[in-house]
Amino acid sequence: MRTQSDIVRDMELRKNTTSSGEAVQPVYQIVASGRDCFTTFYRSLKQRVVKLNLEKWNQANPNGGKVFNDANGNQILTIELEDTVGLFKEVYKQYQSDLSHYFRNLYTIVRFVHDSELKIDKQKYMRLIRAQLSAYELTMLFYNCLANYGSGKFKQYIEEYHLLKNLDMELLIRNVDRRGYCVSAFGAPAKPHVTPPNNMNNQ
């Protein structure tokens, strides 16, 4: 995890602060660094969600109408999980240089532990990996593996090793988004498949 920590530590998001019309070398201001970058990624996703939700509301109510809020003052969402995943892809593309490197390296670490032929407690090592992920890292990981970037093996490892056990459900765009994963991803035992009994009356 040393390399993964280095990747997070070295992350920097910069903003061009050069005034328009100035014929000088661009001046950049650091707006986030390290783990704070994931807060920025998440806020970018949330902003897109609010915007799309308002657009969908206006389309459904062409004559106008107030967008309703819940008891906490948050917009009642009309978007679906596939909408959120699409918006995540926009965020991913905007910050691809950081996010692709981060998730690719995290996947490599998880796969290395999973494929190890040594007699080690793999769950223990996965817990160590999980313990180093912040709340916003886990949330972005959640949506990454529902997008094309992380579907497949990475999602399977997350479910097998409970890597989303510490996920703050309040950070999900919608609580029902959790249905995109097997419950084992959150630390609950996977539900066994039960074969229904034969209907003796039909035999």
N, C-alpha and C. Protein backbone atom coordinates (compact mmCIF):
# COMPACT_ATOMS: atom_id res chain seq x y z
N MET A 1 0.82 -1.22 0.00
CA MET A 1 0.00 0.00 0.00
C MET A 1 0.86 1.27 0.00
N ARG A 2 2.18 1.11 0.12
CA ARG A 2 3.07 2.27 0.09
C ARG A 2 2.90 3.03 -1.22
N THR A 3 2.88 2.30 -2.34
CA THR A 3 2.73 2.95 -3.64
C THR A 3 1.38 3.64 -3.74
N GLN A 4 0.32 2.99 -3.26
CA GLN A 4 -1.01 3.58 -3.32
C GLN A 4 -1.06 4.86 -2.49
N SER A 5 -0.46 4.85 -1.32
CA SER A 5 -0.42 6.05 -0.48
C SER A 5 0.34 7.17 -1.18
N ASP A 6 1.42 6.80 -1.88
CA ASP A 6 2.19 7.80 -2.61
C ASP A 6 1.35 8.44 -3.71
N ILE A 7 0.57 7.62 -4.41
CA ILE A 7 -0.27 8.13 -5.48
C ILE A 7 -1.26 9.16 -4.94
N VAL A 8 -1.90 8.83 -3.82
CA VAL A 8 -2.87 9.75 -3.22
C VAL A 8 -2.17 11.02 -2.73
N ARG A 9 -1.04 10.85 -2.06
CA ARG A 9 -0.31 12.00 -1.53
C ARG A 9 0.13 12.96 -2.63
N ASP A 10 0.50 12.42 -3.78
CA ASP A 10 1.02 13.25 -4.87
C ASP A 10 -0.07 13.87 -5.74
N MET A 11 -1.32 13.55 -5.48
CA MET A 11 -2.41 14.13 -6.27
C MET A 11 -2.52 15.64 -6.03
N GLU A 12 -2.69 16.37 -7.10
CA GLU A 12 -2.91 17.82 -7.00
C GLU A 12 -3.89 18.25 -8.08
N LEU A 13 -4.89 19.00 -7.69
CA LEU A 13 -5.84 19.58 -8.64
C LEU A 13 -5.55 21.07 -8.74
N ARG A 14 -5.35 21.53 -9.96
CA ARG A 14 -4.93 22.92 -10.16
C ARG A 14 -5.95 23.68 -11.00
N LYS A 15 -6.01 24.98 -10.74
CA LYS A 15 -6.92 25.87 -11.45
C LYS A 15 -6.11 26.96 -12.12
N ASN A 16 -6.40 27.22 -13.39
CA ASN A 16 -5.71 28.27 -14.13
C ASN A 16 -6.23 29.63 -13.65
N THR A 17 -5.36 30.41 -13.02
CA THR A 17 -5.76 31.73 -12.49
C THR A 17 -5.23 32.88 -13.33
N THR A 18 -4.71 32.56 -14.52
CA THR A 18 -4.20 33.60 -15.40
C THR A 18 -5.34 34.46 -15.93
N SER A 19 -5.22 35.77 -15.84
CA SER A 19 -6.25 36.67 -16.35
C SER A 19 -6.32 36.56 -17.86
N SER A 20 -7.53 36.66 -18.39
CA SER A 20 -7.73 36.57 -19.84
C SER A 20 -7.01 37.71 -20.54
N GLY A 21 -6.38 37.40 -21.65
CA GLY A 21 -5.70 38.41 -22.44
C GLY A 21 -4.24 38.59 -22.08
N GLU A 22 -3.81 37.98 -20.96
CA GLU A 22 -2.42 38.11 -20.58
C GLU A 22 -1.55 37.18 -21.42
N ALA A 23 -0.54 37.76 -22.06
CA ALA A 23 0.37 36.97 -22.90
C ALA A 23 1.55 36.50 -22.07
N VAL A 24 1.23 35.75 -21.03
CA VAL A 24 2.28 35.26 -20.15
C VAL A 24 2.06 33.76 -19.93
N GLN A 25 3.03 33.14 -19.31
CA GLN A 25 2.90 31.73 -19.01
C GLN A 25 1.75 31.53 -18.00
N PRO A 26 0.88 30.54 -18.23
CA PRO A 26 -0.26 30.34 -17.33
C PRO A 26 0.17 30.16 -15.88
N VAL A 27 -0.65 30.73 -14.99
CA VAL A 27 -0.41 30.60 -13.56
C VAL A 27 -1.48 29.69 -12.97
N TYR A 28 -1.07 28.66 -12.25
CA TYR A 28 -2.00 27.69 -11.70
C TYR A 28 -2.00 27.75 -10.18
N GLN A 29 -3.18 27.63 -9.62
CA GLN A 29 -3.34 27.59 -8.17
C GLN A 29 -3.80 26.20 -7.76
N ILE A 30 -3.16 25.63 -6.74
CA ILE A 30 -3.56 24.33 -6.23
C ILE A 30 -4.85 24.48 -5.43
N VAL A 31 -5.90 23.79 -5.85
CA VAL A 31 -7.20 23.90 -5.17
C VAL A 31 -7.47 22.69 -4.28
N ALA A 32 -6.76 21.61 -4.49
CA ALA A 32 -6.91 20.43 -3.64
C ALA A 32 -5.69 19.55 -3.82
N SER A 33 -5.33 18.84 -2.77
CA SER A 33 -4.20 17.92 -2.85
C SER A 33 -4.45 16.73 -1.94
N GLY A 34 -3.76 15.62 -2.23
CA GLY A 34 -3.90 14.43 -1.41
C GLY A 34 -5.33 13.90 -1.40
N ARG A 35 -5.76 13.44 -0.24
CA ARG A 35 -7.10 12.85 -0.12
C ARG A 35 -8.21 13.88 -0.34
N ASP A 36 -7.88 15.17 -0.18
CA ASP A 36 -8.89 16.20 -0.42
C ASP A 36 -9.36 16.20 -1.87
N CYS A 37 -8.56 15.65 -2.77
CA CYS A 37 -8.95 15.57 -4.18
C CYS A 37 -10.23 14.75 -4.33
N PHE A 38 -10.37 13.71 -3.50
CA PHE A 38 -11.55 12.86 -3.61
C PHE A 38 -12.81 13.58 -3.14
N THR A 39 -12.66 14.53 -2.23
CA THR A 39 -13.79 15.37 -1.85
C THR A 39 -14.23 16.20 -3.05
N THR A 40 -13.25 16.71 -3.79
CA THR A 40 -13.54 17.50 -4.99
C THR A 40 -14.20 16.63 -6.06
N PHE A 41 -13.70 15.40 -6.25
CA PHE A 41 -14.31 14.49 -7.22
C PHE A 41 -15.77 14.24 -6.86
N TYR A 42 -16.01 13.99 -5.58
CA TYR A 42 -17.37 13.68 -5.13
C TYR A 42 -18.29 14.89 -5.30
N ARG A 43 -17.81 16.06 -4.95
CA ARG A 43 -18.64 17.27 -5.09
C ARG A 43 -18.96 17.54 -6.56
N SER A 44 -18.00 17.24 -7.42
CA SER A 44 -18.24 17.40 -8.85
C SER A 44 -19.36 16.48 -9.30
N LEU A 45 -19.35 15.25 -8.80
CA LEU A 45 -20.42 14.30 -9.12
C LEU A 45 -21.76 14.80 -8.59
N LYS A 46 -21.79 15.28 -7.36
CA LYS A 46 -23.03 15.77 -6.75
C LYS A 46 -23.60 16.95 -7.52
N GLN A 47 -22.74 17.85 -7.96
CA GLN A 47 -23.19 19.02 -8.73
C GLN A 47 -23.84 18.59 -10.03
N ARG A 48 -23.26 17.61 -10.67
CA ARG A 48 -23.84 17.10 -11.91
C ARG A 48 -25.20 16.43 -11.64
N VAL A 49 -25.29 15.74 -10.52
CA VAL A 49 -26.55 15.08 -10.16
C VAL A 49 -27.65 16.12 -9.96
N VAL A 50 -27.36 17.17 -9.21
CA VAL A 50 -28.35 18.22 -8.95
C VAL A 50 -28.79 18.87 -10.26
N LYS A 51 -27.84 19.12 -11.15
CA LYS A 51 -28.16 19.75 -12.43
C LYS A 51 -29.05 18.86 -13.28
N LEU A 52 -28.68 17.57 -13.40
CA LEU A 52 -29.47 16.65 -14.21
C LEU A 52 -30.84 16.44 -13.60
N ASN A 53 -30.91 16.37 -12.29
CA ASN A 53 -32.20 16.18 -11.62
C ASN A 53 -33.14 17.34 -11.92
N LEU A 54 -32.60 18.55 -11.91
CA LEU A 54 -33.40 19.73 -12.21
C LEU A 54 -33.87 19.71 -13.66
N GLU A 55 -33.00 19.29 -14.56
CA GLU A 55 -33.37 19.21 -15.98
C GLU A 55 -34.49 18.20 -16.18
N LYS A 56 -34.37 17.04 -15.53
CA LYS A 56 -35.42 16.02 -15.64
C LYS A 56 -36.73 16.51 -15.03
N TRP A 57 -36.64 17.22 -13.94
CA TRP A 57 -37.84 17.75 -13.29
C TRP A 57 -38.54 18.75 -14.21
N ASN A 58 -37.76 19.63 -14.85
CA ASN A 58 -38.34 20.62 -15.75
C ASN A 58 -38.96 19.97 -16.98
N GLN A 59 -38.35 18.88 -17.46
CA GLN A 59 -38.92 18.16 -18.60
C GLN A 59 -40.25 17.52 -18.23
N ALA A 60 -40.34 17.01 -17.00
CA ALA A 60 -41.57 16.36 -16.56
C ALA A 60 -42.63 17.37 -16.15
N ASN A 61 -42.20 18.61 -15.88
CA ASN A 61 -43.14 19.66 -15.47
C ASN A 61 -42.91 20.90 -16.34
N PRO A 62 -43.29 20.83 -17.61
CA PRO A 62 -43.01 21.95 -18.53
C PRO A 62 -43.68 23.25 -18.14
N ASN A 63 -44.73 23.18 -17.34
CA ASN A 63 -45.43 24.39 -16.92
C ASN A 63 -44.83 24.98 -15.65
N GLY A 64 -43.72 24.43 -15.23
CA GLY A 64 -43.06 24.94 -14.03
C GLY A 64 -43.52 24.19 -12.80
N GLY A 65 -42.85 24.43 -11.72
CA GLY A 65 -43.16 23.75 -10.47
C GLY A 65 -41.92 23.61 -9.63
N LYS A 66 -42.10 23.67 -8.34
CA LYS A 66 -40.97 23.63 -7.42
C LYS A 66 -40.41 22.23 -7.30
N VAL A 67 -39.08 22.14 -7.27
CA VAL A 67 -38.42 20.87 -7.02
C VAL A 67 -38.51 20.59 -5.52
N PHE A 68 -39.11 19.50 -5.15
CA PHE A 68 -39.33 19.21 -3.74
C PHE A 68 -38.06 18.75 -3.05
N ASN A 69 -37.94 19.10 -1.77
CA ASN A 69 -36.82 18.68 -0.95
C ASN A 69 -37.31 17.74 0.14
N ASP A 70 -36.38 16.90 0.63
CA ASP A 70 -36.75 16.01 1.72
C ASP A 70 -36.60 16.73 3.06
N ALA A 71 -36.73 16.00 4.15
CA ALA A 71 -36.69 16.61 5.49
C ALA A 71 -35.34 17.24 5.80
N ASN A 72 -34.29 16.79 5.11
CA ASN A 72 -32.94 17.33 5.33
C ASN A 72 -32.61 18.47 4.37
N GLY A 73 -33.57 18.85 3.54
CA GLY A 73 -33.34 19.95 2.60
C GLY A 73 -32.69 19.54 1.31
N ASN A 74 -32.54 18.24 1.09
CA ASN A 74 -31.94 17.75 -0.15
C ASN A 74 -33.01 17.54 -1.22
N GLN A 75 -32.61 17.72 -2.46
CA GLN A 75 -33.55 17.49 -3.56
C GLN A 75 -34.03 16.05 -3.57
N ILE A 76 -35.32 15.88 -3.79
CA ILE A 76 -35.84 14.54 -4.03
C ILE A 76 -35.46 14.16 -5.45
N LEU A 77 -34.69 13.09 -5.58
CA LEU A 77 -34.12 12.75 -6.87
C LEU A 77 -35.07 11.94 -7.73
N THR A 78 -35.06 12.26 -9.01
CA THR A 78 -35.84 11.51 -9.99
C THR A 78 -34.94 10.71 -10.91
N ILE A 79 -33.62 10.82 -10.70
CA ILE A 79 -32.69 10.11 -11.58
C ILE A 79 -32.53 8.67 -11.11
N GLU A 80 -32.04 7.83 -12.02
CA GLU A 80 -31.82 6.42 -11.72
C GLU A 80 -30.32 6.15 -11.58
N LEU A 81 -29.98 4.95 -11.14
CA LEU A 81 -28.58 4.58 -10.95
C LEU A 81 -27.79 4.73 -12.24
N GLU A 82 -28.40 4.35 -13.36
CA GLU A 82 -27.68 4.44 -14.63
C GLU A 82 -27.34 5.89 -14.96
N ASP A 83 -28.19 6.83 -14.52
CA ASP A 83 -27.89 8.25 -14.71
C ASP A 83 -26.66 8.65 -13.90
N THR A 84 -26.63 8.20 -12.65
CA THR A 84 -25.50 8.53 -11.78
C THR A 84 -24.20 7.93 -12.31
N VAL A 85 -24.28 6.71 -12.80
CA VAL A 85 -23.09 6.06 -13.37
C VAL A 85 -22.60 6.85 -14.58
N GLY A 86 -23.53 7.32 -15.39
CA GLY A 86 -23.16 8.14 -16.54
C GLY A 86 -22.48 9.43 -16.13
N LEU A 87 -22.97 10.04 -15.06
CA LEU A 87 -22.36 11.27 -14.55
C LEU A 87 -20.99 10.98 -13.93
N PHE A 88 -20.87 9.82 -13.30
CA PHE A 88 -19.56 9.44 -12.76
C PHE A 88 -18.54 9.34 -13.90
N LYS A 89 -18.96 8.80 -15.02
CA LYS A 89 -18.06 8.67 -16.17
C LYS A 89 -17.58 10.04 -16.63
N GLU A 90 -18.45 11.05 -16.54
CA GLU A 90 -18.04 12.41 -16.90
C GLU A 90 -16.96 12.91 -15.96
N VAL A 91 -17.15 12.66 -14.66
CA VAL A 91 -16.16 13.07 -13.67
C VAL A 91 -14.85 12.32 -13.92
N TYR A 92 -14.96 11.03 -14.21
CA TYR A 92 -13.78 10.20 -14.48
C TYR A 92 -12.99 10.77 -15.66
N LYS A 93 -13.69 11.13 -16.71
CA LYS A 93 -13.00 11.65 -17.90
C LYS A 93 -12.34 13.00 -17.60
N GLN A 94 -13.00 13.82 -16.77
CA GLN A 94 -12.44 15.13 -16.44
C GLN A 94 -11.14 14.99 -15.64
N TYR A 95 -11.11 14.01 -14.74
CA TYR A 95 -9.94 13.81 -13.88
C TYR A 95 -9.25 12.49 -14.18
N GLN A 96 -9.27 12.09 -15.43
CA GLN A 96 -8.80 10.76 -15.80
C GLN A 96 -7.34 10.52 -15.44
N SER A 97 -6.51 11.52 -15.57
CA SER A 97 -5.08 11.33 -15.29
C SER A 97 -4.85 10.89 -13.85
N ASP A 98 -5.69 11.36 -12.93
CA ASP A 98 -5.57 10.98 -11.53
C ASP A 98 -6.35 9.71 -11.20
N LEU A 99 -7.60 9.67 -11.63
CA LEU A 99 -8.46 8.55 -11.24
C LEU A 99 -8.06 7.24 -11.90
N SER A 100 -7.67 7.27 -13.16
CA SER A 100 -7.31 6.02 -13.83
C SER A 100 -6.08 5.41 -13.18
N HIS A 101 -5.09 6.23 -12.85
CA HIS A 101 -3.88 5.75 -12.20
C HIS A 101 -4.21 5.19 -10.81
N TYR A 102 -5.05 5.90 -10.09
CA TYR A 102 -5.42 5.49 -8.73
C TYR A 102 -6.14 4.15 -8.73
N PHE A 103 -7.19 4.03 -9.52
CA PHE A 103 -7.98 2.79 -9.52
C PHE A 103 -7.22 1.62 -10.13
N ARG A 104 -6.41 1.88 -11.13
CA ARG A 104 -5.62 0.82 -11.75
C ARG A 104 -4.62 0.24 -10.75
N ASN A 105 -4.00 1.10 -9.97
CA ASN A 105 -3.03 0.62 -8.99
C ASN A 105 -3.72 -0.09 -7.83
N LEU A 106 -4.87 0.43 -7.39
CA LEU A 106 -5.61 -0.22 -6.32
C LEU A 106 -6.07 -1.61 -6.75
N TYR A 107 -6.54 -1.71 -7.98
CA TYR A 107 -6.96 -3.01 -8.50
C TYR A 107 -5.79 -3.99 -8.53
N THR A 108 -4.61 -3.51 -8.94
CA THR A 108 -3.43 -4.37 -9.02
C THR A 108 -3.06 -4.91 -7.65
N ILE A 109 -3.16 -4.08 -6.62
CA ILE A 109 -2.84 -4.51 -5.26
C ILE A 109 -3.83 -5.56 -4.79
N VAL A 110 -5.11 -5.31 -5.02
CA VAL A 110 -6.15 -6.26 -4.60
C VAL A 110 -5.99 -7.59 -5.34
N ARG A 111 -5.74 -7.52 -6.63
CA ARG A 111 -5.56 -8.75 -7.42
C ARG A 111 -4.32 -9.51 -6.97
N PHE A 112 -3.26 -8.80 -6.61
CA PHE A 112 -2.03 -9.45 -6.16
C PHE A 112 -2.30 -10.28 -4.90
N VAL A 113 -3.03 -9.69 -3.95
CA VAL A 113 -3.36 -10.42 -2.72
C VAL A 113 -4.26 -11.62 -3.05
N HIS A 114 -5.26 -11.38 -3.90
CA HIS A 114 -6.19 -12.45 -4.26
C HIS A 114 -5.47 -13.63 -4.93
N ASP A 115 -4.52 -13.33 -5.83
CA ASP A 115 -3.85 -14.38 -6.61
C ASP A 115 -2.67 -15.01 -5.87
N SER A 116 -2.32 -14.47 -4.71
CA SER A 116 -1.15 -14.98 -4.00
C SER A 116 -1.33 -16.46 -3.64
N GLU A 117 -0.28 -17.22 -3.88
CA GLU A 117 -0.30 -18.65 -3.55
C GLU A 117 0.34 -18.92 -2.19
N LEU A 118 0.77 -17.85 -1.52
CA LEU A 118 1.33 -18.00 -0.19
C LEU A 118 0.24 -18.29 0.82
N LYS A 119 0.61 -18.93 1.89
CA LYS A 119 -0.37 -19.24 2.93
C LYS A 119 -0.54 -18.02 3.83
N ILE A 120 -1.36 -17.10 3.39
CA ILE A 120 -1.60 -15.87 4.13
C ILE A 120 -3.10 -15.72 4.37
N ASP A 121 -3.42 -14.90 5.35
CA ASP A 121 -4.82 -14.58 5.62
C ASP A 121 -5.21 -13.44 4.68
N LYS A 122 -5.80 -13.80 3.55
CA LYS A 122 -6.12 -12.80 2.54
C LYS A 122 -7.13 -11.78 3.06
N GLN A 123 -8.09 -12.22 3.85
CA GLN A 123 -9.06 -11.29 4.40
C GLN A 123 -8.37 -10.25 5.28
N LYS A 124 -7.35 -10.68 6.01
CA LYS A 124 -6.61 -9.75 6.87
C LYS A 124 -5.93 -8.67 6.04
N TYR A 125 -5.28 -9.08 4.95
CA TYR A 125 -4.61 -8.10 4.09
C TYR A 125 -5.61 -7.18 3.41
N MET A 126 -6.76 -7.71 3.04
CA MET A 126 -7.78 -6.87 2.42
C MET A 126 -8.34 -5.87 3.44
N ARG A 127 -8.41 -6.26 4.70
CA ARG A 127 -8.87 -5.32 5.73
C ARG A 127 -7.87 -4.17 5.89
N LEU A 128 -6.59 -4.48 5.75
CA LEU A 128 -5.57 -3.44 5.82
C LEU A 128 -5.72 -2.46 4.66
N ILE A 129 -6.02 -3.00 3.48
CA ILE A 129 -6.25 -2.14 2.31
C ILE A 129 -7.48 -1.26 2.55
N ARG A 130 -8.56 -1.89 3.00
CA ARG A 130 -9.81 -1.18 3.23
C ARG A 130 -9.65 -0.07 4.27
N ALA A 131 -8.85 -0.32 5.29
CA ALA A 131 -8.68 0.64 6.38
C ALA A 131 -7.99 1.92 5.91
N GLN A 132 -7.30 1.87 4.79
CA GLN A 132 -6.58 3.04 4.31
C GLN A 132 -7.38 3.88 3.32
N LEU A 133 -8.61 3.47 3.06
CA LEU A 133 -9.45 4.20 2.11
C LEU A 133 -10.38 5.15 2.86
N SER A 134 -10.38 6.41 2.46
CA SER A 134 -11.24 7.41 3.10
C SER A 134 -12.68 7.23 2.66
N ALA A 135 -13.59 7.94 3.32
CA ALA A 135 -15.02 7.84 3.00
C ALA A 135 -15.28 8.21 1.54
N TYR A 136 -14.61 9.25 1.06
CA TYR A 136 -14.85 9.70 -0.32
C TYR A 136 -14.16 8.77 -1.32
N GLU A 137 -13.04 8.18 -0.95
CA GLU A 137 -12.41 7.19 -1.82
C GLU A 137 -13.33 5.98 -2.00
N LEU A 138 -13.93 5.52 -0.91
CA LEU A 138 -14.84 4.38 -0.98
C LEU A 138 -16.06 4.70 -1.83
N THR A 139 -16.56 5.92 -1.73
CA THR A 139 -17.74 6.29 -2.52
C THR A 139 -17.41 6.33 -4.00
N MET A 140 -16.27 6.89 -4.34
CA MET A 140 -15.88 6.92 -5.75
C MET A 140 -15.56 5.52 -6.25
N LEU A 141 -14.98 4.68 -5.39
CA LEU A 141 -14.73 3.28 -5.75
C LEU A 141 -16.05 2.56 -6.02
N PHE A 142 -17.05 2.85 -5.20
CA PHE A 142 -18.38 2.27 -5.35
C PHE A 142 -18.92 2.50 -6.77
N TYR A 143 -18.88 3.75 -7.22
CA TYR A 143 -19.44 4.07 -8.54
C TYR A 143 -18.48 3.67 -9.67
N ASN A 144 -17.19 3.68 -9.40
CA ASN A 144 -16.23 3.26 -10.43
C ASN A 144 -16.49 1.84 -10.88
N CYS A 145 -16.80 0.96 -9.92
CA CYS A 145 -16.98 -0.44 -10.26
C CYS A 145 -18.38 -0.75 -10.76
N LEU A 146 -19.24 0.24 -10.83
CA LEU A 146 -20.53 0.09 -11.49
C LEU A 146 -20.47 0.65 -12.91
N ALA A 147 -19.37 1.35 -13.19
CA ALA A 147 -19.13 1.85 -14.55
C ALA A 147 -18.29 0.81 -15.29
N ASN A 148 -18.09 1.02 -16.55
CA ASN A 148 -17.32 0.06 -17.35
C ASN A 148 -15.88 -0.06 -16.88
N TYR A 149 -15.39 0.98 -16.19
CA TYR A 149 -13.99 0.99 -15.79
C TYR A 149 -13.70 -0.10 -14.75
N GLY A 150 -14.68 -0.40 -13.89
CA GLY A 150 -14.38 -1.31 -12.80
C GLY A 150 -15.25 -2.54 -12.76
N SER A 151 -16.12 -2.71 -13.73
CA SER A 151 -16.98 -3.89 -13.73
C SER A 151 -16.16 -5.13 -14.01
N GLY A 152 -16.64 -6.26 -13.56
CA GLY A 152 -15.91 -7.50 -13.79
C GLY A 152 -15.14 -7.92 -12.56
N LYS A 153 -13.86 -8.21 -12.73
CA LYS A 153 -13.05 -8.77 -11.66
C LYS A 153 -12.97 -7.86 -10.42
N PHE A 154 -12.77 -6.57 -10.64
CA PHE A 154 -12.62 -5.66 -9.51
C PHE A 154 -13.87 -5.69 -8.63
N LYS A 155 -15.02 -5.65 -9.25
CA LYS A 155 -16.28 -5.68 -8.51
C LYS A 155 -16.42 -7.01 -7.76
N GLN A 156 -16.00 -8.09 -8.39
CA GLN A 156 -16.05 -9.40 -7.73
C GLN A 156 -15.16 -9.43 -6.49
N TYR A 157 -13.98 -8.84 -6.58
CA TYR A 157 -13.08 -8.80 -5.43
C TYR A 157 -13.69 -7.96 -4.30
N ILE A 158 -14.31 -6.86 -4.67
CA ILE A 158 -14.94 -6.00 -3.66
C ILE A 158 -16.01 -6.76 -2.90
N GLU A 159 -16.79 -7.55 -3.63
CA GLU A 159 -17.85 -8.32 -2.98
C GLU A 159 -17.29 -9.49 -2.17
N GLU A 160 -16.24 -10.11 -2.67
CA GLU A 160 -15.66 -11.26 -1.97
C GLU A 160 -14.95 -10.86 -0.69
N TYR A 161 -14.28 -9.70 -0.72
CA TYR A 161 -13.47 -9.29 0.43
C TYR A 161 -14.08 -8.13 1.22
N HIS A 162 -15.34 -7.82 0.97
CA HIS A 162 -16.09 -6.83 1.77
C HIS A 162 -15.42 -5.45 1.78
N LEU A 163 -14.89 -5.03 0.64
CA LEU A 163 -14.11 -3.79 0.61
C LEU A 163 -14.94 -2.53 0.81
N LEU A 164 -16.26 -2.65 0.74
CA LEU A 164 -17.12 -1.49 0.97
C LEU A 164 -17.77 -1.52 2.36
N LYS A 165 -17.21 -2.33 3.25
CA LYS A 165 -17.80 -2.48 4.59
C LYS A 165 -17.85 -1.15 5.33
N ASN A 166 -16.86 -0.29 5.13
CA ASN A 166 -16.81 1.00 5.83
C ASN A 166 -17.45 2.14 5.04
N LEU A 167 -18.14 1.81 3.97
CA LEU A 167 -18.76 2.84 3.14
C LEU A 167 -19.81 3.61 3.92
N ASP A 168 -19.78 4.94 3.84
CA ASP A 168 -20.79 5.79 4.45
C ASP A 168 -21.98 5.86 3.50
N MET A 169 -23.05 5.17 3.83
CA MET A 169 -24.20 5.09 2.94
C MET A 169 -24.83 6.46 2.67
N GLU A 170 -24.63 7.39 3.58
CA GLU A 170 -25.19 8.73 3.38
C GLU A 170 -24.51 9.48 2.24
N LEU A 171 -23.34 9.00 1.83
CA LEU A 171 -22.65 9.65 0.72
C LEU A 171 -23.11 9.12 -0.64
N LEU A 172 -23.84 8.01 -0.64
CA LEU A 172 -24.37 7.52 -1.91
C LEU A 172 -25.38 8.53 -2.46
N ILE A 173 -25.42 8.63 -3.77
CA ILE A 173 -26.38 9.56 -4.37
C ILE A 173 -27.80 9.17 -3.99
N ARG A 174 -28.10 7.90 -4.05
CA ARG A 174 -29.37 7.36 -3.55
C ARG A 174 -29.03 6.10 -2.74
N ASN A 175 -29.70 5.93 -1.62
CA ASN A 175 -29.40 4.76 -0.79
C ASN A 175 -29.63 3.46 -1.53
N VAL A 176 -30.62 3.47 -2.44
CA VAL A 176 -30.94 2.24 -3.17
C VAL A 176 -29.85 1.87 -4.18
N ASP A 177 -28.90 2.76 -4.40
CA ASP A 177 -27.80 2.43 -5.32
C ASP A 177 -27.02 1.22 -4.83
N ARG A 178 -27.08 0.96 -3.53
CA ARG A 178 -26.34 -0.17 -2.96
C ARG A 178 -26.79 -1.50 -3.58
N ARG A 179 -27.96 -1.52 -4.18
CA ARG A 179 -28.45 -2.75 -4.79
C ARG A 179 -27.62 -3.16 -6.00
N GLY A 180 -26.75 -2.28 -6.44
CA GLY A 180 -25.86 -2.63 -7.55
C GLY A 180 -24.80 -3.63 -7.15
N TYR A 181 -24.68 -3.90 -5.85
CA TYR A 181 -23.69 -4.85 -5.34
C TYR A 181 -24.37 -5.96 -4.56
N CYS A 182 -23.69 -7.09 -4.50
CA CYS A 182 -24.08 -8.16 -3.58
C CYS A 182 -23.87 -7.64 -2.16
N VAL A 183 -24.71 -8.06 -1.22
CA VAL A 183 -24.62 -7.55 0.15
C VAL A 183 -23.27 -7.88 0.79
N SER A 184 -22.57 -8.88 0.28
CA SER A 184 -21.27 -9.24 0.85
C SER A 184 -20.25 -8.11 0.70
N ALA A 185 -20.44 -7.22 -0.27
CA ALA A 185 -19.53 -6.10 -0.46
C ALA A 185 -19.49 -5.20 0.76
N PHE A 186 -20.61 -5.18 1.51
CA PHE A 186 -20.74 -4.31 2.68
C PHE A 186 -20.51 -5.07 3.99
N GLY A 187 -20.03 -6.28 3.88
CA GLY A 187 -19.70 -7.04 5.07
C GLY A 187 -20.74 -8.04 5.52
N ALA A 188 -21.92 -8.02 4.88
CA ALA A 188 -22.96 -8.97 5.24
C ALA A 188 -22.71 -10.29 4.52
N PRO A 189 -23.09 -11.40 5.12
CA PRO A 189 -22.90 -12.69 4.44
C PRO A 189 -23.76 -12.76 3.19
N ALA A 190 -23.18 -13.30 2.13
CA ALA A 190 -23.92 -13.44 0.88
C ALA A 190 -25.09 -14.40 1.08
N LYS A 191 -26.21 -14.06 0.49
CA LYS A 191 -27.38 -14.91 0.60
C LYS A 191 -27.22 -16.13 -0.30
N PRO A 192 -27.32 -17.34 0.25
CA PRO A 192 -27.17 -18.55 -0.59
C PRO A 192 -28.36 -18.71 -1.52
N HIS A 193 -28.08 -19.29 -2.65
CA HIS A 193 -29.16 -19.56 -3.59
C HIS A 193 -29.99 -20.75 -3.09
N VAL A 194 -31.27 -20.54 -3.00
CA VAL A 194 -32.16 -21.59 -2.51
C VAL A 194 -33.01 -22.10 -3.67
N THR A 195 -32.91 -23.38 -3.94
CA THR A 195 -33.72 -23.97 -5.00
C THR A 195 -35.11 -24.26 -4.47
N PRO A 196 -36.14 -23.70 -5.09
CA PRO A 196 -37.50 -23.91 -4.60
C PRO A 196 -37.88 -25.38 -4.69
N PRO A 197 -38.64 -25.87 -3.70
CA PRO A 197 -39.06 -27.28 -3.73
C PRO A 197 -39.98 -27.58 -4.91
N ASN A 198 -39.95 -28.81 -5.36
CA ASN A 198 -40.82 -29.21 -6.46
C ASN A 198 -42.28 -29.17 -5.99
N ASN A 199 -43.13 -28.76 -6.87
CA ASN A 199 -44.55 -28.74 -6.55
C ASN A 199 -45.13 -30.13 -6.85
N MET A 200 -45.39 -30.86 -5.78
CA MET A 200 -45.82 -32.24 -5.91
C MET A 200 -47.17 -32.36 -6.62
N ASN A 201 -47.95 -31.26 -6.56
CA ASN A 201 -49.27 -31.31 -7.18
C ASN A 201 -49.21 -31.33 -8.69
N ASN A 202 -48.04 -30.86 -9.21
CA ASN A 202 -47.92 -30.79 -10.66
C ASN A 202 -47.24 -32.03 -11.23
N GLN A 203 -46.91 -32.98 -10.37
CA GLN A 203 -46.23 -34.17 -10.87
C GLN A 203 -47.23 -35.26 -11.20
